[in-house]
């Protein structure tokens, strides 16, 4: 009996220890279509992903252009939107599912649960090729293993809210 209990405890500890890290180090981190959401003259996207599967994705529109064509040397403003995601990895296929934390309206949570972004991880090329719901493909390049401090803070708050604390 003691041996069975010890074995069960060891298996449970092993599963719990590995459940915390769903995403390997070469996939966790920051990814983007460019170095930032403000880069260039086109729309941009970024993904910040932690090893526990929590992450955030954000996108920006192209910079606004003045109707009179006058350029004062500064880039135009962009609309930026972001949302939390939960990620799972199966081989080289990363699935990102937007989610709303506990307490969100049921209709919105159900709608978010139906959306899936599927990405193929190319370890050699350091890219994620993600197919978004409208069929477009985003090529995200590895920006680094670390997440920006503000992304870490937001994910910590999100996890606390999702856990109900």
N, C-alpha and C. Protein backbone atom coordinates (compact mmCIF):
# COMPACT_ATOMS: atom_id res chain seq x y z
N UNK A 1 0.82 -1.19 0.00
CA UNK A 1 0.00 0.00 0.00
C UNK A 1 0.87 1.26 0.00
N UNK A 2 1.90 1.27 0.86
CA UNK A 2 2.80 2.43 0.92
C UNK A 2 3.50 2.64 -0.41
N UNK A 3 3.87 1.52 -1.04
CA UNK A 3 4.58 1.61 -2.31
C UNK A 3 3.66 2.20 -3.38
N UNK A 4 2.41 1.77 -3.43
CA UNK A 4 1.43 2.29 -4.39
C UNK A 4 1.20 3.77 -4.17
N UNK A 5 1.06 4.16 -2.90
CA UNK A 5 0.85 5.58 -2.57
C UNK A 5 2.06 6.40 -3.00
N UNK A 6 3.26 5.90 -2.73
CA UNK A 6 4.48 6.63 -3.11
C UNK A 6 4.58 6.76 -4.63
N UNK A 7 4.23 5.69 -5.35
CA UNK A 7 4.26 5.74 -6.80
C UNK A 7 3.24 6.75 -7.34
N UNK A 8 2.03 6.72 -6.79
CA UNK A 8 0.99 7.66 -7.22
C UNK A 8 1.42 9.10 -6.93
N UNK A 9 2.02 9.33 -5.77
CA UNK A 9 2.50 10.66 -5.42
C UNK A 9 3.60 11.11 -6.38
N UNK A 10 4.50 10.21 -6.71
CA UNK A 10 5.58 10.55 -7.64
C UNK A 10 5.03 10.90 -9.02
N UNK A 11 4.04 10.13 -9.50
CA UNK A 11 3.44 10.41 -10.80
C UNK A 11 2.71 11.74 -10.78
N UNK A 12 1.96 12.00 -9.72
CA UNK A 12 1.23 13.27 -9.61
C UNK A 12 2.19 14.44 -9.57
N UNK A 13 3.30 14.31 -8.83
CA UNK A 13 4.28 15.39 -8.76
C UNK A 13 4.90 15.61 -10.14
N UNK A 14 5.22 14.53 -10.83
CA UNK A 14 5.82 14.63 -12.16
C UNK A 14 4.87 15.35 -13.12
N UNK A 15 3.59 14.97 -13.11
CA UNK A 15 2.62 15.62 -13.99
C UNK A 15 2.44 17.08 -13.63
N UNK A 16 2.37 17.39 -12.34
CA UNK A 16 2.19 18.78 -11.92
C UNK A 16 3.40 19.62 -12.29
N UNK A 17 4.58 19.06 -12.13
CA UNK A 17 5.79 19.81 -12.46
C UNK A 17 5.85 20.14 -13.94
N UNK A 18 5.42 19.21 -14.79
CA UNK A 18 5.48 19.44 -16.22
C UNK A 18 4.27 20.16 -16.76
N UNK A 19 3.17 20.16 -16.02
CA UNK A 19 1.98 20.88 -16.46
C UNK A 19 2.24 22.37 -16.48
N UNK A 20 3.15 22.84 -15.64
CA UNK A 20 3.44 24.27 -15.58
C UNK A 20 4.15 24.76 -16.85
N UNK A 21 4.90 23.89 -17.51
CA UNK A 21 5.62 24.28 -18.71
C UNK A 21 5.07 23.51 -19.91
N UNK A 22 4.06 24.08 -20.53
CA UNK A 22 3.44 23.46 -21.70
C UNK A 22 4.20 23.79 -22.97
N UNK A 23 4.89 24.91 -22.97
CA UNK A 23 5.53 25.45 -24.16
C UNK A 23 7.05 25.42 -23.96
N UNK A 24 7.81 24.77 -24.86
CA UNK A 24 9.26 24.73 -24.69
C UNK A 24 9.91 26.11 -24.87
N UNK A 25 11.12 26.22 -24.36
CA UNK A 25 11.82 27.50 -24.36
C UNK A 25 12.03 28.08 -25.76
N UNK A 26 12.17 27.22 -26.78
CA UNK A 26 12.39 27.77 -28.12
C UNK A 26 11.12 28.29 -28.77
N UNK A 27 9.96 28.06 -28.13
CA UNK A 27 8.70 28.59 -28.64
C UNK A 27 8.19 29.72 -27.74
N UNK A 28 8.40 29.58 -26.43
CA UNK A 28 8.02 30.65 -25.51
C UNK A 28 8.88 31.88 -25.81
N UNK A 29 8.32 33.05 -25.55
CA UNK A 29 9.06 34.28 -25.79
C UNK A 29 8.24 35.25 -26.62
N UNK A 30 8.93 36.15 -27.27
CA UNK A 30 8.28 37.19 -28.08
C UNK A 30 8.50 36.93 -29.56
N UNK A 31 7.42 37.11 -30.33
CA UNK A 31 7.41 36.91 -31.77
C UNK A 31 6.72 38.10 -32.41
N UNK A 32 7.12 38.48 -33.61
CA UNK A 32 6.45 39.60 -34.26
C UNK A 32 6.66 39.63 -35.76
N UNK A 33 5.75 40.32 -36.44
CA UNK A 33 5.91 40.52 -37.87
C UNK A 33 7.00 41.55 -38.14
N UNK A 34 7.30 42.36 -37.13
CA UNK A 34 8.38 43.35 -37.18
C UNK A 34 8.87 43.54 -35.75
N UNK A 35 9.83 44.43 -35.57
CA UNK A 35 10.41 44.64 -34.25
C UNK A 35 9.42 45.24 -33.25
N UNK A 36 8.40 45.94 -33.75
CA UNK A 36 7.40 46.53 -32.87
C UNK A 36 6.09 46.73 -33.62
N UNK A 37 5.06 47.08 -32.89
CA UNK A 37 3.76 47.34 -33.50
C UNK A 37 3.77 48.66 -34.29
N UNK A 38 4.79 49.49 -34.10
CA UNK A 38 4.89 50.78 -34.78
C UNK A 38 5.82 50.76 -35.98
N UNK A 39 6.38 49.60 -36.32
CA UNK A 39 7.37 49.53 -37.39
C UNK A 39 6.74 49.62 -38.78
N UNK A 40 7.40 50.30 -39.66
CA UNK A 40 7.01 50.33 -41.07
C UNK A 40 5.70 51.03 -41.36
N UNK A 41 5.22 50.78 -42.58
CA UNK A 41 3.99 51.41 -43.07
C UNK A 41 2.84 50.43 -43.21
N UNK A 42 3.00 49.23 -42.66
CA UNK A 42 1.96 48.21 -42.77
C UNK A 42 1.46 47.81 -41.39
N UNK A 43 0.39 47.02 -41.36
CA UNK A 43 -0.11 46.50 -40.09
C UNK A 43 0.93 45.55 -39.51
N UNK A 44 0.96 45.44 -38.19
CA UNK A 44 1.93 44.60 -37.52
C UNK A 44 1.22 43.73 -36.47
N UNK A 45 1.86 42.63 -36.10
CA UNK A 45 1.35 41.75 -35.05
C UNK A 45 2.49 41.29 -34.16
N UNK A 46 2.17 41.07 -32.88
CA UNK A 46 3.14 40.50 -31.94
C UNK A 46 2.45 39.43 -31.10
N UNK A 47 3.25 38.49 -30.62
CA UNK A 47 2.80 37.45 -29.72
C UNK A 47 3.81 37.36 -28.60
N UNK A 48 3.35 37.47 -27.36
CA UNK A 48 4.19 37.26 -26.19
C UNK A 48 3.64 36.02 -25.50
N UNK A 49 4.48 35.00 -25.37
CA UNK A 49 4.03 33.70 -24.90
C UNK A 49 4.93 33.18 -23.79
N UNK A 50 4.30 32.79 -22.67
CA UNK A 50 5.05 32.22 -21.55
C UNK A 50 5.05 30.69 -21.66
N UNK A 51 5.98 30.07 -20.95
CA UNK A 51 6.11 28.61 -20.98
C UNK A 51 4.88 27.90 -20.41
N UNK A 52 4.11 28.58 -19.56
CA UNK A 52 2.91 27.95 -18.98
C UNK A 52 1.71 27.99 -19.93
N UNK A 53 1.88 28.55 -21.14
CA UNK A 53 0.81 28.58 -22.13
C UNK A 53 0.00 29.86 -22.14
N UNK A 54 0.18 30.73 -21.14
CA UNK A 54 -0.50 32.02 -21.14
C UNK A 54 0.26 32.98 -22.05
N UNK A 55 -0.49 33.78 -22.79
CA UNK A 55 0.17 34.74 -23.65
C UNK A 55 -0.77 35.86 -24.04
N UNK A 56 -0.26 36.75 -24.84
CA UNK A 56 -1.04 37.86 -25.37
C UNK A 56 -0.64 38.07 -26.83
N UNK A 57 -1.64 38.38 -27.61
CA UNK A 57 -1.40 38.71 -29.00
C UNK A 57 -1.93 40.11 -29.23
N UNK A 58 -1.23 40.89 -30.02
CA UNK A 58 -1.67 42.25 -30.33
C UNK A 58 -1.39 42.55 -31.79
N UNK A 59 -2.18 43.46 -32.32
CA UNK A 59 -1.99 43.88 -33.69
C UNK A 59 -2.23 45.37 -33.84
N UNK A 60 -1.63 45.94 -34.86
CA UNK A 60 -1.81 47.36 -35.14
C UNK A 60 -2.19 47.55 -36.59
N UNK A 61 -2.89 48.64 -36.85
CA UNK A 61 -3.23 49.01 -38.21
C UNK A 61 -2.03 49.72 -38.83
N UNK A 62 -2.04 49.93 -40.14
CA UNK A 62 -1.01 50.78 -40.73
C UNK A 62 -1.15 52.19 -40.13
N UNK A 63 -0.09 52.98 -40.16
CA UNK A 63 -0.21 54.33 -39.62
C UNK A 63 -1.20 55.16 -40.46
N UNK A 64 -1.94 56.00 -39.77
CA UNK A 64 -2.88 56.88 -40.47
C UNK A 64 -2.10 57.89 -41.31
N UNK A 65 -2.68 58.25 -42.42
CA UNK A 65 -2.07 59.26 -43.29
C UNK A 65 -3.00 60.47 -43.37
N UNK A 66 -2.40 61.63 -43.38
CA UNK A 66 -3.19 62.85 -43.45
C UNK A 66 -3.87 62.95 -44.81
N UNK A 67 -5.09 63.42 -44.80
CA UNK A 67 -5.84 63.56 -46.06
C UNK A 67 -5.24 64.62 -46.97
N UNK A 68 -4.58 65.65 -46.39
CA UNK A 68 -4.00 66.71 -47.21
C UNK A 68 -2.62 66.33 -47.73
N UNK A 69 -2.13 65.13 -47.33
CA UNK A 69 -0.85 64.65 -47.84
C UNK A 69 0.36 65.28 -47.18
N UNK A 70 0.18 66.21 -46.25
CA UNK A 70 1.30 66.85 -45.58
C UNK A 70 1.91 65.87 -44.59
N UNK A 71 3.21 65.71 -44.66
CA UNK A 71 3.91 64.80 -43.75
C UNK A 71 4.81 65.65 -42.87
N UNK A 72 4.57 65.63 -41.57
CA UNK A 72 5.40 66.44 -40.67
C UNK A 72 6.61 65.66 -40.15
N UNK A 73 6.93 64.54 -40.78
CA UNK A 73 8.11 63.77 -40.38
C UNK A 73 7.85 62.77 -39.28
N UNK A 74 6.65 62.73 -38.76
CA UNK A 74 6.31 61.79 -37.70
C UNK A 74 5.35 60.75 -38.25
N UNK A 75 5.47 59.51 -37.77
CA UNK A 75 4.51 58.51 -38.24
C UNK A 75 3.11 58.82 -37.72
N UNK A 76 2.11 58.49 -38.49
CA UNK A 76 0.74 58.69 -38.06
C UNK A 76 0.36 57.73 -36.94
N UNK A 77 -0.71 58.04 -36.24
CA UNK A 77 -1.15 57.15 -35.16
C UNK A 77 -1.69 55.83 -35.72
N UNK A 78 -1.67 54.83 -34.90
CA UNK A 78 -2.17 53.51 -35.27
C UNK A 78 -3.22 53.07 -34.26
N UNK A 79 -4.16 52.29 -34.72
CA UNK A 79 -5.08 51.61 -33.80
C UNK A 79 -4.40 50.31 -33.39
N UNK A 80 -4.40 50.01 -32.10
CA UNK A 80 -3.79 48.80 -31.57
C UNK A 80 -4.82 48.06 -30.73
N UNK A 81 -4.91 46.76 -30.93
CA UNK A 81 -5.80 45.94 -30.12
C UNK A 81 -5.06 44.68 -29.72
N UNK A 82 -5.32 44.21 -28.52
CA UNK A 82 -4.68 43.00 -28.03
C UNK A 82 -5.66 42.14 -27.27
N UNK A 83 -5.31 40.89 -27.09
CA UNK A 83 -6.17 39.96 -26.37
C UNK A 83 -5.33 38.84 -25.77
N UNK A 84 -5.81 38.28 -24.65
CA UNK A 84 -5.08 37.17 -24.03
C UNK A 84 -5.32 35.88 -24.80
N UNK A 85 -4.34 34.98 -24.76
CA UNK A 85 -4.45 33.68 -25.40
C UNK A 85 -3.97 32.59 -24.45
N UNK A 86 -4.43 31.39 -24.70
CA UNK A 86 -3.89 30.18 -24.08
C UNK A 86 -3.35 29.35 -25.23
N UNK A 87 -2.16 28.82 -25.05
CA UNK A 87 -1.49 28.09 -26.12
C UNK A 87 -1.25 26.64 -25.75
N UNK A 88 -1.32 25.79 -26.76
CA UNK A 88 -0.91 24.39 -26.63
C UNK A 88 -0.02 24.07 -27.82
N UNK A 89 0.89 23.15 -27.61
CA UNK A 89 1.82 22.78 -28.67
C UNK A 89 1.76 21.27 -28.87
N UNK A 90 1.58 20.85 -30.11
CA UNK A 90 1.58 19.43 -30.46
C UNK A 90 2.55 19.28 -31.62
N UNK A 91 3.73 18.77 -31.35
CA UNK A 91 4.78 18.69 -32.37
C UNK A 91 5.23 20.09 -32.74
N UNK A 92 5.06 20.45 -34.02
CA UNK A 92 5.42 21.81 -34.44
C UNK A 92 4.19 22.69 -34.64
N UNK A 93 3.02 22.21 -34.19
CA UNK A 93 1.78 22.96 -34.35
C UNK A 93 1.39 23.62 -33.03
N UNK A 94 1.38 24.93 -33.05
CA UNK A 94 0.99 25.73 -31.90
C UNK A 94 -0.44 26.21 -32.13
N UNK A 95 -1.30 25.98 -31.15
CA UNK A 95 -2.67 26.49 -31.25
C UNK A 95 -2.86 27.56 -30.20
N UNK A 96 -3.35 28.71 -30.64
CA UNK A 96 -3.63 29.83 -29.77
C UNK A 96 -5.14 30.03 -29.72
N UNK A 97 -5.67 30.07 -28.52
CA UNK A 97 -7.10 30.28 -28.34
C UNK A 97 -7.30 31.53 -27.48
N UNK A 98 -7.96 32.54 -28.03
CA UNK A 98 -8.29 33.70 -27.20
C UNK A 98 -9.20 33.26 -26.07
N UNK A 99 -9.10 33.90 -24.94
CA UNK A 99 -9.98 33.56 -23.84
C UNK A 99 -10.27 34.79 -23.01
N UNK A 100 -11.35 34.70 -22.30
CA UNK A 100 -11.72 35.75 -21.36
C UNK A 100 -11.60 35.18 -19.96
N UNK A 101 -11.07 35.94 -19.02
CA UNK A 101 -10.92 35.44 -17.65
C UNK A 101 -12.27 35.14 -17.01
N UNK A 102 -12.20 34.42 -15.92
CA UNK A 102 -13.38 34.08 -15.14
C UNK A 102 -14.20 35.33 -14.85
N UNK A 103 -15.51 35.18 -14.97
CA UNK A 103 -16.41 36.30 -14.70
C UNK A 103 -16.82 37.08 -15.94
N UNK A 104 -16.22 36.76 -17.09
CA UNK A 104 -16.60 37.44 -18.33
C UNK A 104 -17.99 36.98 -18.75
N UNK A 105 -18.72 37.81 -19.49
CA UNK A 105 -20.05 37.39 -19.96
C UNK A 105 -19.96 36.08 -20.74
N UNK A 106 -20.88 35.17 -20.47
CA UNK A 106 -20.85 33.82 -21.06
C UNK A 106 -20.88 33.86 -22.58
N UNK A 107 -21.66 34.76 -23.16
CA UNK A 107 -21.76 34.84 -24.62
C UNK A 107 -20.41 35.22 -25.24
N UNK A 108 -19.73 36.19 -24.63
CA UNK A 108 -18.42 36.60 -25.14
C UNK A 108 -17.39 35.49 -24.97
N UNK A 109 -17.42 34.81 -23.82
CA UNK A 109 -16.48 33.71 -23.58
C UNK A 109 -16.71 32.58 -24.59
N UNK A 110 -17.99 32.27 -24.88
CA UNK A 110 -18.30 31.21 -25.85
C UNK A 110 -17.82 31.60 -27.24
N UNK A 111 -17.99 32.85 -27.61
CA UNK A 111 -17.54 33.32 -28.92
C UNK A 111 -16.02 33.23 -29.01
N UNK A 112 -15.31 33.65 -27.98
CA UNK A 112 -13.84 33.59 -27.98
C UNK A 112 -13.36 32.15 -28.05
N UNK A 113 -14.07 31.23 -27.40
CA UNK A 113 -13.67 29.83 -27.37
C UNK A 113 -13.73 29.18 -28.75
N UNK A 114 -14.50 29.72 -29.66
CA UNK A 114 -14.63 29.15 -31.01
C UNK A 114 -13.49 29.59 -31.94
N UNK A 115 -12.72 30.56 -31.55
CA UNK A 115 -11.65 31.08 -32.40
C UNK A 115 -10.35 30.32 -32.09
N UNK A 116 -9.69 29.86 -33.14
CA UNK A 116 -8.41 29.17 -32.99
C UNK A 116 -7.44 29.72 -34.04
N UNK A 117 -6.26 30.10 -33.60
CA UNK A 117 -5.19 30.49 -34.51
C UNK A 117 -4.20 29.33 -34.50
N UNK A 118 -3.90 28.81 -35.66
CA UNK A 118 -2.98 27.68 -35.77
C UNK A 118 -1.67 28.18 -36.36
N UNK A 119 -0.58 27.86 -35.69
CA UNK A 119 0.75 28.30 -36.13
C UNK A 119 1.66 27.09 -36.31
N UNK A 120 2.49 27.14 -37.31
CA UNK A 120 3.52 26.12 -37.53
C UNK A 120 4.85 26.72 -37.10
N UNK A 121 5.52 26.02 -36.19
CA UNK A 121 6.81 26.48 -35.68
C UNK A 121 7.92 25.93 -36.56
N UNK A 122 8.73 26.82 -37.08
CA UNK A 122 9.91 26.44 -37.85
C UNK A 122 11.12 26.78 -37.00
N UNK A 123 11.64 25.78 -36.31
CA UNK A 123 12.76 26.00 -35.39
C UNK A 123 14.01 26.48 -36.13
N UNK A 124 14.24 25.96 -37.32
CA UNK A 124 15.44 26.36 -38.08
C UNK A 124 15.35 27.81 -38.54
N UNK A 125 14.18 28.21 -39.01
CA UNK A 125 14.01 29.57 -39.51
C UNK A 125 13.59 30.57 -38.45
N UNK A 126 13.38 30.09 -37.21
CA UNK A 126 12.93 30.94 -36.11
C UNK A 126 11.68 31.73 -36.48
N UNK A 127 10.69 31.02 -37.05
CA UNK A 127 9.44 31.66 -37.41
C UNK A 127 8.25 30.86 -36.93
N UNK A 128 7.13 31.57 -36.80
CA UNK A 128 5.82 30.97 -36.61
C UNK A 128 4.97 31.43 -37.78
N UNK A 129 4.43 30.50 -38.54
CA UNK A 129 3.51 30.84 -39.63
C UNK A 129 2.11 30.57 -39.10
N UNK A 130 1.37 31.64 -38.82
CA UNK A 130 0.07 31.53 -38.17
C UNK A 130 -1.06 31.83 -39.15
N UNK A 131 -2.05 30.96 -39.16
CA UNK A 131 -3.24 31.17 -39.97
C UNK A 131 -4.31 31.75 -39.05
N UNK A 132 -4.78 32.94 -39.39
CA UNK A 132 -5.79 33.62 -38.58
C UNK A 132 -7.17 33.26 -39.11
N UNK A 133 -8.23 33.51 -38.33
CA UNK A 133 -9.57 33.06 -38.73
C UNK A 133 -10.03 33.50 -40.12
N UNK A 134 -9.58 34.65 -40.62
CA UNK A 134 -10.03 35.06 -41.96
C UNK A 134 -9.21 34.42 -43.08
N UNK A 135 -8.30 33.50 -42.72
CA UNK A 135 -7.53 32.76 -43.71
C UNK A 135 -6.17 33.35 -44.04
N UNK A 136 -5.88 34.56 -43.59
CA UNK A 136 -4.57 35.16 -43.83
C UNK A 136 -3.50 34.40 -43.06
N UNK A 137 -2.28 34.48 -43.56
CA UNK A 137 -1.14 33.90 -42.85
C UNK A 137 -0.24 35.02 -42.37
N UNK A 138 0.09 34.97 -41.10
CA UNK A 138 1.04 35.91 -40.50
C UNK A 138 2.35 35.17 -40.29
N UNK A 139 3.45 35.75 -40.70
CA UNK A 139 4.76 35.17 -40.42
C UNK A 139 5.36 35.99 -39.28
N UNK A 140 5.48 35.34 -38.13
CA UNK A 140 6.05 35.98 -36.95
C UNK A 140 7.49 35.50 -36.79
N UNK A 141 8.41 36.43 -36.60
CA UNK A 141 9.82 36.12 -36.42
C UNK A 141 10.16 36.21 -34.94
N UNK A 142 11.09 35.39 -34.52
CA UNK A 142 11.51 35.36 -33.12
C UNK A 142 12.14 36.71 -32.76
N UNK A 143 11.57 37.38 -31.76
CA UNK A 143 12.12 38.65 -31.28
C UNK A 143 13.01 38.44 -30.07
N UNK A 144 12.81 37.33 -29.35
CA UNK A 144 13.64 37.02 -28.19
C UNK A 144 12.94 36.08 -27.23
N UNK A 145 13.72 35.53 -26.32
CA UNK A 145 13.19 34.59 -25.34
C UNK A 145 12.47 35.31 -24.20
N UNK A 146 12.85 36.55 -23.95
CA UNK A 146 12.26 37.30 -22.84
C UNK A 146 11.04 38.08 -23.29
N UNK A 147 10.12 38.24 -22.37
CA UNK A 147 8.95 39.07 -22.61
C UNK A 147 9.21 40.46 -22.05
N UNK A 148 8.65 41.50 -22.67
CA UNK A 148 8.80 42.84 -22.11
C UNK A 148 8.18 42.88 -20.71
N UNK A 149 8.72 43.71 -19.82
CA UNK A 149 8.20 43.78 -18.45
C UNK A 149 6.69 44.06 -18.39
N UNK A 150 6.19 44.93 -19.27
CA UNK A 150 4.76 45.25 -19.23
C UNK A 150 3.92 44.05 -19.63
N UNK A 151 4.42 43.20 -20.54
CA UNK A 151 3.69 41.98 -20.92
C UNK A 151 3.67 41.01 -19.75
N UNK A 152 4.80 40.87 -19.05
CA UNK A 152 4.84 40.00 -17.87
C UNK A 152 3.84 40.45 -16.81
N UNK A 153 3.80 41.75 -16.56
CA UNK A 153 2.87 42.29 -15.56
C UNK A 153 1.42 42.01 -15.94
N UNK A 154 1.09 42.24 -17.20
CA UNK A 154 -0.28 42.01 -17.65
C UNK A 154 -0.64 40.53 -17.55
N UNK A 155 0.27 39.64 -17.89
CA UNK A 155 -0.01 38.22 -17.82
C UNK A 155 -0.13 37.74 -16.37
N UNK A 156 0.66 38.30 -15.48
CA UNK A 156 0.55 37.95 -14.07
C UNK A 156 -0.83 38.36 -13.54
N UNK A 157 -1.27 39.56 -13.88
CA UNK A 157 -2.60 40.02 -13.45
C UNK A 157 -3.69 39.18 -14.08
N UNK A 158 -3.53 38.83 -15.33
CA UNK A 158 -4.53 38.02 -16.03
C UNK A 158 -4.65 36.64 -15.40
N UNK A 159 -3.51 36.01 -15.08
CA UNK A 159 -3.54 34.68 -14.47
C UNK A 159 -4.22 34.72 -13.10
N UNK A 160 -3.95 35.78 -12.35
CA UNK A 160 -4.56 35.92 -11.03
C UNK A 160 -6.07 36.07 -11.17
N UNK A 161 -6.50 36.85 -12.16
CA UNK A 161 -7.94 37.03 -12.38
C UNK A 161 -8.57 35.74 -12.88
N UNK A 162 -7.87 35.01 -13.76
CA UNK A 162 -8.39 33.76 -14.30
C UNK A 162 -8.51 32.69 -13.22
N UNK A 163 -7.62 32.73 -12.24
CA UNK A 163 -7.66 31.77 -11.14
C UNK A 163 -8.75 32.12 -10.13
N UNK A 164 -9.32 33.30 -10.26
CA UNK A 164 -10.39 33.72 -9.36
C UNK A 164 -9.90 34.37 -8.09
N UNK A 165 -8.62 34.70 -8.05
CA UNK A 165 -8.13 35.37 -6.85
C UNK A 165 -8.27 36.86 -6.90
